[in-house]
Protein backbone atom coordinates (compact mmCIF):
# COMPACT_ATOMS: atom_id res chain seq x y z
CA MET A 1 5.06 -36.92 -1.12
CA ALA A 2 5.84 -33.41 -2.22
CA ALA A 3 8.36 -31.54 -0.08
CA LYS A 4 6.86 -28.99 2.29
CA ARG A 5 7.45 -25.51 0.92
CA GLU A 6 9.73 -23.44 3.14
CA PRO A 7 8.24 -20.12 4.17
CA GLY A 8 9.59 -17.10 2.34
CA LYS A 9 12.26 -14.86 3.81
CA VAL A 10 9.77 -12.20 4.88
CA GLU A 11 7.62 -14.66 6.82
CA ARG A 12 10.62 -16.45 8.38
CA ILE A 13 12.16 -13.24 9.73
CA ALA A 14 8.79 -11.87 10.77
CA SER A 15 8.03 -15.13 12.60
CA ASP A 16 11.26 -14.82 14.58
CA LEU A 17 10.40 -11.26 15.59
CA ARG A 18 6.84 -12.29 16.53
CA ASP A 19 8.26 -14.99 18.79
CA LYS A 20 10.63 -12.55 20.50
CA ILE A 21 7.78 -10.10 21.08
CA ALA A 22 5.54 -12.87 22.47
CA ARG A 23 8.27 -14.03 24.86
CA GLY A 24 9.09 -10.50 26.01
CA VAL A 25 12.60 -10.58 24.58
CA LEU A 26 11.49 -7.51 22.65
CA ALA A 27 9.43 -5.56 25.16
CA PRO A 28 6.74 -3.01 24.26
CA GLY A 29 8.44 0.23 23.26
CA SER A 30 11.70 -1.46 22.23
CA ARG A 31 13.38 0.16 19.26
CA LEU A 32 14.19 -2.22 16.43
CA PRO A 33 17.17 -2.07 14.06
CA GLY A 34 16.76 0.25 11.11
CA VAL A 35 15.86 -1.26 7.74
CA PRO A 36 19.49 -1.11 6.45
CA GLN A 37 20.73 -2.91 9.59
CA LEU A 38 18.01 -5.58 9.32
CA GLN A 39 19.04 -6.01 5.67
CA ARG A 40 22.70 -6.55 6.62
CA GLU A 41 21.94 -8.87 9.54
CA HIS A 42 19.91 -11.26 7.38
CA GLY A 43 21.61 -10.78 4.02
CA ILE A 44 18.39 -9.76 2.32
CA ALA A 45 17.32 -7.09 -0.12
CA TYR A 46 16.37 -3.66 1.20
CA GLN A 47 12.75 -4.08 0.03
CA THR A 48 12.54 -7.47 1.74
CA ALA A 49 13.61 -5.87 5.02
CA ARG A 50 10.98 -3.18 4.57
CA ASP A 51 8.37 -5.84 3.86
CA VAL A 52 9.18 -7.60 7.15
CA TYR A 53 8.41 -4.47 9.14
CA SER A 54 5.37 -3.61 7.01
CA LEU A 55 3.91 -7.07 7.67
CA LEU A 56 4.33 -6.76 11.44
CA GLU A 57 3.00 -3.19 11.39
CA SER A 58 -0.12 -4.44 9.61
CA GLU A 59 -0.58 -6.98 12.43
CA GLY A 60 -0.34 -4.24 15.06
CA LEU A 61 2.92 -5.54 16.51
CA LEU A 62 5.12 -2.63 15.39
CA PHE A 63 4.73 1.07 14.70
CA SER A 64 7.05 3.56 13.10
CA ARG A 65 7.91 7.20 13.63
CA GLN A 66 9.27 9.15 10.70
CA GLY A 67 12.90 10.05 11.34
CA LYS A 68 12.97 8.12 14.64
CA GLY A 69 12.65 4.44 13.80
CA THR A 70 10.48 1.38 14.27
CA TYR A 71 9.28 0.20 17.68
CA VAL A 72 7.46 -2.71 19.28
CA SER A 73 3.88 -1.61 19.83
CA LEU A 74 2.80 -0.52 23.29
CA VAL A 75 -0.60 -2.08 22.53
CA LEU A 76 -0.14 -5.83 22.07
CA GLY A 77 -3.65 -7.16 21.66
CA LYS A 78 -6.57 -5.01 20.66
CA ILE A 79 -8.14 -2.28 22.75
CA VAL A 80 -11.77 -3.20 23.38
CA SER A 81 -13.76 0.03 23.43
CA GLU A 82 -17.19 -0.22 25.09
CA ARG A 83 -18.88 2.35 22.88
CA ASN A 84 -22.23 2.51 24.69
CA ARG A 85 -20.59 3.16 28.09
CA ARG A 86 -17.48 5.26 27.52
CA TYR A 87 -19.34 8.58 27.27
CA LEU A 88 -21.35 8.24 30.49
CA PRO A 89 -20.57 11.25 32.75
CA SER A 90 -19.34 9.00 35.56
CA LEU A 91 -16.79 7.41 33.23
CA ARG A 92 -15.64 10.32 31.07
CA GLU A 93 -15.05 12.43 34.21
CA ALA A 94 -13.41 9.64 36.27
CA GLY A 95 -10.33 10.85 38.12
CA GLY A 96 -10.61 14.31 36.55
CA ALA A 97 -10.15 12.93 33.03
CA VAL A 98 -10.60 15.41 30.18
CA GLY A 99 -13.09 13.29 28.27
CA ALA A 100 -13.77 9.69 27.31
CA PHE A 101 -10.46 8.86 25.60
CA GLU A 102 -8.30 9.80 28.59
CA ALA A 103 -10.58 7.98 31.04
CA GLU A 104 -10.77 4.89 28.85
CA MET A 105 -7.00 4.66 28.41
CA ARG A 106 -6.31 5.07 32.13
CA ALA A 107 -8.85 2.36 32.97
CA MET A 108 -6.98 -0.01 30.62
CA GLY A 109 -3.61 0.66 32.23
CA TYR A 110 -2.18 3.03 29.62
CA ASP A 111 -0.76 6.48 30.28
CA PRO A 112 -2.48 9.11 28.11
CA ARG A 113 0.14 11.54 26.83
CA PRO A 114 -0.40 15.22 25.90
CA VAL A 115 -2.55 15.51 22.81
CA VAL A 116 -1.26 17.35 19.75
CA LEU A 117 -4.14 19.79 19.37
CA THR A 118 -5.09 22.16 16.57
CA ILE A 119 -8.02 24.54 17.12
CA ALA A 120 -9.28 26.57 14.20
CA LYS A 121 -12.29 27.73 12.24
CA ASP A 122 -12.57 25.75 9.03
CA VAL A 123 -14.99 24.43 6.42
CA PRO A 124 -16.26 21.06 7.67
CA PRO A 125 -16.69 17.96 5.52
CA LYS A 126 -19.93 17.81 3.54
CA LYS A 127 -21.58 15.27 5.85
CA VAL A 128 -20.84 17.46 8.88
CA ALA A 129 -22.15 20.64 7.24
CA GLU A 130 -25.35 18.84 6.20
CA SER A 131 -25.95 17.51 9.71
CA PHE A 132 -25.53 21.02 11.13
CA GLY A 133 -27.68 22.59 8.39
CA MET A 134 -24.77 24.84 7.39
CA HIS A 135 -23.91 26.31 4.02
CA HIS A 136 -21.32 24.04 2.41
CA ARG A 137 -18.69 26.82 2.37
CA ALA A 138 -19.35 28.22 5.84
CA LYS A 139 -16.71 27.78 8.54
CA THR A 140 -17.13 26.59 12.09
CA LEU A 141 -15.01 25.52 15.06
CA LYS A 142 -12.97 22.35 14.84
CA ARG A 143 -10.72 20.63 17.37
CA GLU A 144 -8.22 18.35 15.63
CA ARG A 145 -6.30 15.93 17.85
CA ILE A 146 -3.44 13.44 17.54
CA MET A 147 -3.80 11.16 20.56
CA PRO A 148 -0.83 9.15 21.92
CA VAL A 149 -0.46 6.83 24.88
CA GLY A 150 2.52 5.51 26.79
CA LEU A 151 3.12 2.95 29.51
CA PRO A 152 3.20 3.94 33.19
CA GLY A 153 6.76 4.42 34.38
CA ASN A 154 8.10 4.82 30.84
CA ASP A 155 8.44 8.51 30.01
CA GLY A 156 10.08 7.85 26.66
CA THR A 157 8.24 5.92 23.98
CA GLU A 158 4.68 6.80 23.09
CA GLU A 159 2.35 5.53 20.37
CA VAL A 160 -0.44 7.37 18.58
CA ILE A 161 -3.53 5.16 18.56
CA GLN A 162 -6.20 7.59 17.39
CA VAL A 163 -6.64 10.81 15.47
CA ALA A 164 -9.89 12.68 15.89
CA THR A 165 -11.55 15.90 14.78
CA SER A 166 -14.56 17.37 16.56
CA TRP A 167 -16.87 19.95 14.96
CA PHE A 168 -19.44 22.22 16.59
CA PRO A 169 -22.22 24.31 14.98
CA PRO A 170 -21.34 28.04 14.89
CA GLU A 171 -24.05 29.10 17.36
CA VAL A 172 -23.05 26.33 19.80
CA ALA A 173 -19.36 27.25 19.60
CA GLU A 174 -20.25 30.90 20.23
CA ALA A 175 -22.38 30.04 23.27
CA CYS A 176 -19.66 27.78 24.71
CA PRO A 177 -16.34 29.66 24.23
CA VAL A 178 -14.35 27.16 26.33
CA LEU A 179 -14.49 24.84 23.30
CA ALA A 180 -11.89 27.10 21.67
CA GLU A 181 -9.50 26.65 24.61
CA SER A 182 -6.82 23.99 24.74
CA ASN A 183 -8.10 22.46 27.98
CA THR A 184 -11.85 21.92 28.17
CA GLY A 185 -11.63 20.60 31.74
CA THR A 186 -12.95 17.50 33.47
CA GLY A 187 -15.30 15.53 31.25
CA GLY A 188 -14.22 17.36 28.10
CA SER A 189 -16.49 18.98 25.53
CA LYS A 190 -19.58 16.98 26.46
CA SER A 191 -19.51 18.24 30.04
CA ARG A 192 -18.91 21.86 28.96
CA LEU A 193 -21.73 21.66 26.42
CA ALA A 194 -24.08 20.34 29.11
CA GLU A 195 -23.19 23.30 31.36
CA ALA A 196 -23.93 25.67 28.46
CA GLY A 197 -27.41 24.21 27.92
CA PHE A 198 -26.55 21.67 25.20
CA ARG A 199 -26.69 18.42 27.17
CA GLN A 200 -26.34 15.39 24.92
CA VAL A 201 -28.83 12.65 25.72
CA ARG A 202 -28.36 10.44 22.66
CA LEU A 203 -25.40 9.40 20.57
CA ARG A 204 -25.25 7.95 17.08
CA GLU A 205 -22.17 6.34 15.54
CA GLU A 206 -21.63 5.31 11.93
CA ILE A 207 -18.58 3.19 11.13
CA GLU A 208 -16.79 2.55 7.89
CA VAL A 209 -13.48 0.89 7.03
CA ARG A 210 -11.21 2.67 4.59
CA THR A 211 -7.58 3.35 3.75
CA PRO A 212 -6.00 6.23 5.67
CA THR A 213 -5.01 9.53 4.19
CA GLU A 214 -1.28 10.20 3.96
CA ALA A 215 -1.46 12.48 7.01
CA GLU A 216 -3.40 9.90 9.05
CA ALA A 217 -0.98 7.09 8.20
CA LYS A 218 1.97 9.29 9.16
CA ALA A 219 0.38 10.34 12.46
CA LEU A 220 -0.58 6.77 13.38
CA GLY A 221 2.74 5.27 12.28
CA ILE A 222 1.08 2.65 10.06
CA PRO A 223 1.57 1.58 6.44
CA ALA A 224 -0.44 3.58 3.94
CA GLU A 225 -2.26 0.44 2.81
CA GLN A 226 -3.38 -0.61 6.30
CA ALA A 227 -7.10 -0.17 6.90
CA VAL A 228 -8.49 2.22 9.50
CA MET A 229 -11.94 2.50 11.04
CA GLU A 230 -13.62 5.87 10.72
CA ILE A 231 -16.28 6.51 13.35
CA THR A 232 -18.64 9.41 12.71
CA HIS A 233 -19.93 10.25 16.18
CA LYS A 234 -22.94 12.52 16.63
CA GLY A 235 -24.14 13.99 19.92
CA LEU A 236 -27.84 14.92 20.07
CA THR A 237 -29.81 16.92 22.63
CA ALA A 238 -33.29 16.07 23.94
CA ASP A 239 -34.83 18.00 21.05
CA ASP A 240 -32.82 15.98 18.47
CA ARG A 241 -30.36 18.76 17.76
CA VAL A 242 -26.87 17.69 16.67
CA VAL A 243 -24.46 19.80 18.73
CA GLU A 244 -21.21 17.92 18.17
CA ILE A 245 -19.80 15.65 15.49
CA GLY A 246 -16.56 13.77 15.98
CA ILE A 247 -14.71 11.94 13.23
CA HIS A 248 -12.47 9.40 14.91
CA VAL A 249 -9.86 7.44 12.93
CA LEU A 250 -8.49 4.27 14.53
CA PRO A 251 -6.05 1.66 13.19
CA ARG A 252 -7.97 -1.53 12.46
CA SER A 253 -5.13 -3.57 13.95
CA LYS A 254 -5.38 -1.82 17.35
CA TRP A 255 -9.06 -1.57 18.17
CA ARG A 256 -12.18 -3.69 18.60
CA LEU A 257 -15.49 -1.87 19.09
CA ALA A 258 -18.02 -3.42 21.46
CA TYR A 259 -21.74 -2.63 21.71
CA GLU A 260 -24.38 -4.02 24.04
CA TRP A 261 -28.02 -3.15 24.45
CA VAL A 262 -31.25 -4.56 25.82
CA ILE A 263 -33.73 -5.90 23.25
CA ASP A 264 -36.25 -7.36 25.70
CA THR A 265 -36.98 -7.46 29.41
CA PRO A 266 -38.02 -10.45 31.49
CA ASP A 267 -41.74 -10.78 32.18
CA THR A 268 -42.62 -9.66 35.66
CA PRO A 269 -45.02 -11.86 37.64
């Protein structure tokens, strides 16, 4: 009988770290040794040490912050996002939440941290301009967000689990100036748009899996080769007008998207 092949160094070291994370020896938010220290501890090549962390990052067990180090993920196990419920007014406004993301994270036991927000007028991507019926070089309002969470009672470590950019047609942005403010208030942009006469009654989401841009990978603390899900989210009014488009980028290793809808109703006697 042929001898059983011993796992490679990367898998052996990664397996040991997985076990420590599973047993709580390495708790969520724990900082791990730097790559040079891991190299010295195990007598391995520098690239091998990097590969250990890259493997565990691709599995969603670790995340990195440039210039700060590598940490055990705060999200062990995927976030299940109920896409056809999260935007209901009663949910996105729960507890004074500023929109669906904050409400969803609180409901799951995470502590939403202050968003890194950039508000500007810019040329939107082609698919956004076409949906709005804009000239391809025209500018409109965008809200670009880097969205971290932490754990309750832990004011230190936080992990970015989504980056998102929302776009609004020029005439909608002009009629709803609060969209250009840093805090859009309880319920977020959807609630402010409803108050301004642009109530969204239907949503459409298109999902694709792709590699992240360099900026997205850096913000999310993931390897450049790790796949992300891009959700193109459109909000439509009763007259089928698209008044908001969000492009949400989520690490594939962190999220699972759930959808449920009725396709038939029981016969009534």
